[in-house]
Amino acid sequence: MRLVILTENTVNKRGLLAEHGLSVLVEAAGRRILFDTGQSGVYLHNAGRMKEDLNGLDGIVLSHGHYDHTGGLPEFPHDQLPPVFVREKAFEEKLTGSRGRNAYRDIGIPWLKKRSCEQMNPKGEKGREADCVETGRKEAGREKTESDIYSLLQERGLLRLTGDREEIFPGIWTLSQIRALVPEEPLPDQFFVRRADRLIQDYMEDEQLLVIRTPEGLAVFAGCAHLGILNCLERVKEAFPDERLWLLRAGMHLRGCGEKRLSATVEGLRRCDFRWIIPLHCTGIEAIARIRETFGEKCLSGEAGRLITL
């Protein structure tokens, strides 16, 4: 297996760029898959500087419908686009914020049509700039709209909406339907979706894992693990009973989580007995340090620019 970290919050080489986001080139089981695209074209810049050819990919897997994992897709050369595997609910209007403050920020896929602040305000009131931040993003002066890439994927038959357990290639699956089973990993309360003009809590039904069967065991890839990395791994064990867990490469959404949850996560990972763990992105510096301290040489760094061959 060969992993190339193209986009991450940190970077380990001069000339490369970092951004809050994630994009990883995965080469395994005879396939080349791009897992997420970051929030901009940074992954393409870094691939060029690292002399990594992204032509001829077998597929792009989008882990969920947040801007920092999907925003870079329109930058991919349109004549080289492979199939894109994504959950249908990733295309919902997604926000983060606080009901108490009535303040929300759009964090959904930025190349879908822009939404106004009035649309984002749950009471239908005109939102002040401080209350409502629109993330219709622009790259290189060109606004990314739905017609740019979404329609293109549909027209070419490249948009592949995945099921709960989808074998996208032999020995390679996307896996969703993650449930909040672990007491220390409650459903996050700061994420929302808009349905029928109402804001409701986001149960992260769009979140999917990438699971690859290797001779050594299962390799598991998670974008953010909003529902908790241990809940994600419970889903993997349910879908693949009695198979060894070999590698975990994951954003774990542990930044600022508190000692109780962090300790429970580290202990849960220890019980899984992974040979390799690569924590990155939203895992957070403190949590990464604890995981590295606990697992020693089994814990690998995951900054942008890192090439990992296992």
Protein backbone atom coordinates (compact mmCIF):
# COMPACT_ATOMS: atom_id res chain seq x y z
CA MET A 1 0.00 0.00 0.00
CA ARG A 2 1.19 3.48 -0.88
CA LEU A 3 -0.28 6.65 0.67
CA VAL A 4 0.51 10.20 -0.39
CA ILE A 5 -0.79 12.96 1.89
CA LEU A 6 -1.59 15.78 -0.54
CA THR A 7 -3.60 18.13 1.67
CA GLU A 8 -3.60 18.44 5.44
CA ASN A 9 -3.66 21.16 8.09
CA THR A 10 0.12 21.00 8.38
CA VAL A 11 2.97 20.52 5.93
CA ASN A 12 6.44 18.97 6.20
CA LYS A 13 8.30 20.28 3.15
CA ARG A 14 9.24 23.67 1.74
CA GLY A 15 7.36 24.60 -1.41
CA LEU A 16 4.22 22.70 -0.41
CA LEU A 17 1.02 24.28 0.88
CA ALA A 18 -1.17 23.48 3.88
CA GLU A 19 -4.83 24.29 4.47
CA HIS A 20 -7.59 23.16 6.79
CA GLY A 21 -8.68 20.14 4.80
CA LEU A 22 -7.77 16.67 3.69
CA SER A 23 -6.81 14.87 0.50
CA VAL A 24 -4.93 11.57 0.27
CA LEU A 25 -3.87 9.51 -2.73
CA VAL A 26 -4.35 5.83 -1.92
CA GLU A 27 -2.72 3.13 -4.03
CA ALA A 28 -3.81 -0.35 -2.96
CA ALA A 29 -5.44 -3.52 -4.30
CA GLY A 30 -4.38 -2.57 -7.80
CA ARG A 31 -6.31 0.74 -7.69
CA ARG A 32 -5.48 4.43 -7.38
CA ILE A 33 -8.10 6.36 -5.40
CA LEU A 34 -8.16 9.98 -4.30
CA PHE A 35 -9.76 10.19 -0.86
CA ASP A 36 -11.21 13.73 -0.52
CA THR A 37 -10.04 16.87 -2.31
CA GLY A 38 -9.43 19.43 0.45
CA GLN A 39 -11.10 22.83 0.17
CA SER A 40 -9.20 24.15 -2.86
CA GLY A 41 -6.67 23.22 -5.51
CA VAL A 42 -3.88 22.83 -2.91
CA TYR A 43 -3.83 19.06 -3.46
CA LEU A 44 -3.04 19.60 -7.15
CA HIS A 45 -0.27 22.07 -6.35
CA ASN A 46 1.30 19.68 -3.87
CA ALA A 47 0.92 16.70 -6.21
CA GLY A 48 2.78 18.66 -8.88
CA ARG A 49 5.60 19.62 -6.53
CA MET A 50 5.85 16.00 -5.35
CA LYS A 51 5.77 14.72 -8.95
CA GLU A 52 2.67 12.63 -8.24
CA ASP A 53 0.61 12.01 -11.38
CA LEU A 54 -3.14 12.18 -10.70
CA ASN A 55 -4.11 11.20 -14.24
CA GLY A 56 -5.67 7.80 -14.62
CA LEU A 57 -7.27 7.62 -11.20
CA ASP A 58 -9.77 4.83 -10.71
CA GLY A 59 -12.01 6.96 -8.54
CA ILE A 60 -12.48 9.83 -6.11
CA VAL A 61 -14.17 9.08 -2.79
CA LEU A 62 -15.70 12.00 -0.88
CA SER A 63 -15.96 11.14 2.81
CA HIS A 64 -18.78 13.63 3.55
CA GLY A 65 -20.31 16.86 2.36
CA HIS A 66 -18.20 19.51 4.10
CA TYR A 67 -16.25 22.18 2.22
CA ASP A 68 -12.82 21.15 3.51
CA HIS A 69 -13.16 17.67 1.98
CA THR A 70 -15.01 18.48 -1.26
CA GLY A 71 -14.11 22.04 -2.26
CA GLY A 72 -11.15 21.11 -4.44
CA LEU A 73 -13.09 18.85 -6.81
CA PRO A 74 -13.84 21.54 -9.45
CA GLU A 75 -10.09 22.16 -9.79
CA PHE A 76 -9.45 18.61 -10.96
CA PRO A 77 -8.86 18.56 -14.76
CA HIS A 78 -12.31 17.98 -16.21
CA ASP A 79 -11.05 15.82 -19.04
CA GLN A 80 -9.42 13.45 -16.52
CA LEU A 81 -12.29 13.11 -14.05
CA PRO A 82 -12.82 9.56 -12.79
CA PRO A 83 -16.02 8.31 -11.11
CA VAL A 84 -16.84 10.20 -7.90
CA PHE A 85 -18.27 8.10 -5.07
CA VAL A 86 -20.36 10.05 -2.59
CA ARG A 87 -23.43 9.69 -0.39
CA GLU A 88 -26.56 11.38 -1.68
CA LYS A 89 -27.09 13.25 1.59
CA ALA A 90 -23.73 14.95 1.14
CA PHE A 91 -25.54 17.40 -1.16
CA GLU A 92 -27.82 18.72 1.58
CA GLU A 93 -27.41 22.24 2.94
CA LYS A 94 -25.05 21.83 5.89
CA LEU A 95 -24.35 24.36 8.62
CA THR A 96 -22.57 24.67 11.91
CA GLY A 97 -23.49 26.99 14.72
CA SER A 98 -25.46 27.55 17.87
CA ARG A 99 -29.22 27.56 18.30
CA GLY A 100 -28.82 29.69 21.41
CA ARG A 101 -26.98 32.45 19.53
CA ASN A 102 -29.01 31.97 16.35
CA ALA A 103 -25.71 32.10 14.46
CA TYR A 104 -24.91 29.66 11.66
CA ARG A 105 -22.22 29.20 9.05
CA ASP A 106 -22.56 27.28 5.81
CA ILE A 107 -20.00 24.45 5.73
CA GLY A 108 -21.49 22.42 2.90
CA ILE A 109 -20.16 21.63 -0.56
CA PRO A 110 -19.09 25.02 -1.95
CA TRP A 111 -19.58 24.19 -5.63
CA LEU A 112 -23.30 23.77 -5.15
CA LYS A 113 -25.38 26.88 -5.71
CA LYS A 114 -24.79 29.63 -3.22
CA ARG A 115 -27.26 30.20 -0.40
CA SER A 116 -28.20 33.58 0.93
CA CYS A 117 -27.99 34.64 4.54
CA GLU A 118 -31.76 34.97 4.54
CA GLN A 119 -32.05 31.31 3.57
CA MET A 120 -29.62 30.29 6.28
CA ASN A 121 -31.43 32.09 9.10
CA PRO A 122 -33.75 29.52 10.72
CA LYS A 123 -36.37 32.14 11.64
CA GLY A 124 -36.51 33.62 8.18
CA GLU A 125 -35.11 36.90 9.47
CA LYS A 126 -32.50 38.79 7.52
CA GLY A 127 -29.19 37.75 9.02
CA ARG A 128 -26.49 40.22 9.99
CA GLU A 129 -23.04 39.57 8.62
CA ALA A 130 -21.88 38.62 12.10
CA ASP A 131 -24.68 36.09 12.43
CA CYS A 132 -24.42 34.36 9.10
CA VAL A 133 -21.37 33.62 6.99
CA GLU A 134 -21.81 32.42 3.44
CA THR A 135 -19.17 30.08 2.07
CA GLY A 136 -19.80 30.33 -1.63
CA ARG A 137 -16.08 30.12 -2.34
CA LYS A 138 -14.03 31.39 -5.26
CA GLU A 139 -10.79 29.98 -6.54
CA ALA A 140 -8.57 31.79 -9.05
CA GLY A 141 -11.34 34.33 -9.59
CA ARG A 142 -13.79 31.75 -10.96
CA GLU A 143 -16.90 31.04 -8.93
CA LYS A 144 -17.59 27.35 -8.49
CA THR A 145 -21.22 26.71 -9.31
CA GLU A 146 -23.37 23.63 -9.57
CA SER A 147 -23.24 23.75 -13.36
CA ASP A 148 -19.42 23.65 -13.34
CA ILE A 149 -18.93 20.21 -11.93
CA TYR A 150 -22.12 18.66 -10.55
CA SER A 151 -23.90 18.71 -13.89
CA LEU A 152 -20.72 17.60 -15.63
CA LEU A 153 -20.48 14.54 -13.40
CA GLN A 154 -24.12 13.72 -14.08
CA GLU A 155 -23.82 14.20 -17.83
CA ARG A 156 -20.82 11.88 -18.03
CA GLY A 157 -22.29 9.26 -15.72
CA LEU A 158 -19.46 9.78 -13.24
CA LEU A 159 -21.56 10.60 -10.17
CA ARG A 160 -21.86 7.37 -8.19
CA LEU A 161 -24.19 7.58 -5.18
CA THR A 162 -23.08 4.95 -2.71
CA GLY A 163 -25.13 2.66 -0.52
CA ASP A 164 -24.60 1.68 3.09
CA ARG A 165 -21.96 -0.93 2.19
CA GLU A 166 -20.82 -0.53 -1.39
CA GLU A 167 -18.04 -2.56 -3.01
CA ILE A 168 -16.80 0.06 -5.46
CA PHE A 169 -13.92 -2.14 -6.68
CA PRO A 170 -12.96 -5.72 -5.81
CA GLY A 171 -11.81 -5.68 -2.19
CA ILE A 172 -12.57 -1.95 -1.75
CA TRP A 173 -15.71 -0.64 -0.04
CA THR A 174 -17.37 2.54 1.09
CA LEU A 175 -19.14 2.06 4.40
CA SER A 176 -21.73 4.28 6.06
CA GLN A 177 -24.66 3.96 8.49
CA ILE A 178 -22.40 4.74 11.45
CA ARG A 179 -24.36 4.83 14.71
CA ALA A 180 -23.64 6.48 18.06
CA LEU A 181 -23.06 3.38 20.19
CA VAL A 182 -20.05 4.31 22.32
CA PRO A 183 -21.14 6.33 25.40
CA GLU A 184 -18.05 8.58 25.29
CA GLU A 185 -18.84 9.56 21.69
CA PRO A 186 -22.21 11.35 21.69
CA LEU A 187 -23.72 12.87 18.57
CA PRO A 188 -22.15 16.33 18.04
CA ASP A 189 -24.68 19.10 18.60
CA GLN A 190 -23.13 21.88 16.51
CA PHE A 191 -23.94 20.50 13.05
CA PHE A 192 -27.24 21.01 11.23
CA VAL A 193 -28.93 20.35 7.89
CA ARG A 194 -31.79 22.27 6.33
CA ARG A 195 -34.78 20.18 5.33
CA ALA A 196 -38.13 21.64 4.30
CA ASP A 197 -37.04 25.10 5.49
CA ARG A 198 -36.23 23.79 8.95
CA LEU A 199 -32.86 23.34 10.60
CA ILE A 200 -32.49 19.94 12.22
CA GLN A 201 -29.56 18.21 13.84
CA ASP A 202 -27.22 16.57 11.35
CA TYR A 203 -26.92 12.84 12.05
CA MET A 204 -24.05 12.65 9.57
CA GLU A 205 -25.86 10.21 7.30
CA ASP A 206 -23.55 11.31 4.48
CA GLU A 207 -20.36 10.26 6.25
CA GLN A 208 -18.67 7.23 4.73
CA LEU A 209 -15.49 5.31 5.40
CA LEU A 210 -13.17 3.79 2.82
CA VAL A 211 -12.27 0.19 3.69
CA ILE A 212 -9.64 -1.79 1.76
CA ARG A 213 -8.92 -5.47 2.29
CA THR A 214 -5.21 -6.21 2.18
CA PRO A 215 -3.22 -9.39 2.88
CA GLU A 216 -2.30 -7.92 6.28
CA GLY A 217 -5.87 -6.98 7.23
CA LEU A 218 -8.33 -4.12 6.76
CA ALA A 219 -7.16 -0.58 6.04
CA VAL A 220 -9.72 1.97 7.25
CA PHE A 221 -9.86 5.59 6.08
CA ALA A 222 -12.05 8.23 7.75
CA GLY A 223 -12.38 11.88 6.76
CA CYS A 224 -13.51 13.42 10.06
CA ALA A 225 -15.28 10.70 12.06
CA HIS A 226 -17.83 13.23 13.33
CA LEU A 227 -19.76 10.42 15.01
CA GLY A 228 -16.59 9.29 16.79
CA ILE A 229 -13.77 7.11 15.56
CA LEU A 230 -14.73 4.26 17.90
CA ASN A 231 -18.29 4.32 16.55
CA CYS A 232 -16.79 4.18 13.05
CA LEU A 233 -14.72 1.16 13.99
CA GLU A 234 -17.74 -0.56 15.53
CA ARG A 235 -19.39 -0.22 12.14
CA VAL A 236 -16.34 -1.72 10.43
CA LYS A 237 -16.32 -4.68 12.82
CA GLU A 238 -20.04 -5.19 12.24
CA ALA A 239 -19.61 -5.17 8.45
CA PHE A 240 -16.42 -7.26 8.43
CA PRO A 241 -16.66 -9.62 11.41
CA ASP A 242 -13.56 -11.55 12.43
CA GLU A 243 -11.28 -9.63 10.06
CA ARG A 244 -8.11 -8.09 11.44
CA LEU A 245 -7.83 -4.30 11.64
CA TRP A 246 -4.44 -3.42 10.16
CA LEU A 247 -4.28 0.30 9.38
CA LEU A 248 -6.25 3.36 10.45
CA ARG A 249 -5.76 6.69 8.70
CA ALA A 250 -8.27 9.14 10.10
CA GLY A 251 -9.30 12.59 11.07
CA MET A 252 -10.87 11.91 14.47
CA HIS A 253 -12.49 15.22 15.45
CA LEU A 254 -10.88 15.21 18.90
CA ARG A 255 -9.70 18.82 19.09
CA GLY A 256 -10.83 20.21 22.45
CA CYS A 257 -12.73 17.02 23.29
CA GLY A 258 -11.70 16.80 26.95
CA GLU A 259 -9.72 14.23 28.90
CA LYS A 260 -12.54 11.71 29.39
CA ARG A 261 -13.22 11.26 25.69
CA LEU A 262 -9.57 11.37 24.70
CA SER A 263 -8.68 8.65 27.21
CA ALA A 264 -11.60 6.51 26.05
CA THR A 265 -10.54 6.95 22.42
CA VAL A 266 -6.94 5.98 23.08
CA GLU A 267 -8.03 2.92 25.06
CA GLY A 268 -10.49 1.92 22.31
CA LEU A 269 -7.78 2.20 19.67
CA ARG A 270 -5.46 0.12 21.83
CA ARG A 271 -8.07 -2.67 21.98
CA CYS A 272 -8.37 -2.62 18.18
CA ASP A 273 -4.68 -3.54 17.94
CA PHE A 274 -3.90 -1.72 14.70
CA ARG A 275 -0.45 -2.23 13.25
CA TRP A 276 -0.42 1.34 11.98
CA ILE A 277 -2.33 4.48 12.99
CA ILE A 278 -2.11 7.78 11.10
CA PRO A 279 -4.04 10.52 12.96
CA LEU A 280 -4.37 13.81 11.11
CA HIS A 281 -6.53 16.81 10.15
CA CYS A 282 -9.26 17.42 12.77
CA THR A 283 -7.74 15.02 15.30
CA GLY A 284 -6.02 18.00 16.88
CA ILE A 285 -2.45 18.54 18.05
CA GLU A 286 -2.99 17.42 21.65
CA ALA A 287 -4.81 14.23 20.66
CA ILE A 288 -2.20 13.39 18.03
CA ALA A 289 0.52 13.85 20.66
CA ARG A 290 -1.30 11.50 23.05
CA ILE A 291 -1.80 8.87 20.34
CA ARG A 292 1.86 9.13 19.36
CA GLU A 293 2.95 8.80 22.99
CA THR A 294 0.73 5.75 23.48
CA PHE A 295 1.44 3.84 20.28
CA GLY A 296 5.04 4.80 19.60
CA GLU A 297 6.38 3.56 16.27
CA LYS A 298 2.92 2.32 15.27
CA CYS A 299 1.79 5.97 14.97
CA LEU A 300 2.88 7.62 11.72
CA SER A 301 2.89 11.32 10.88
CA GLY A 302 0.37 12.56 8.33
CA GLU A 303 1.37 16.07 7.25
CA ALA A 304 0.96 17.21 3.67
CA GLY A 305 3.98 16.02 1.72
CA ARG A 306 4.27 12.74 3.57
CA LEU A 307 4.76 9.58 1.46
CA ILE A 308 4.00 6.34 3.28
CA THR A 309 4.73 2.92 1.82
CA LEU A 310 3.66 -0.10 3.85
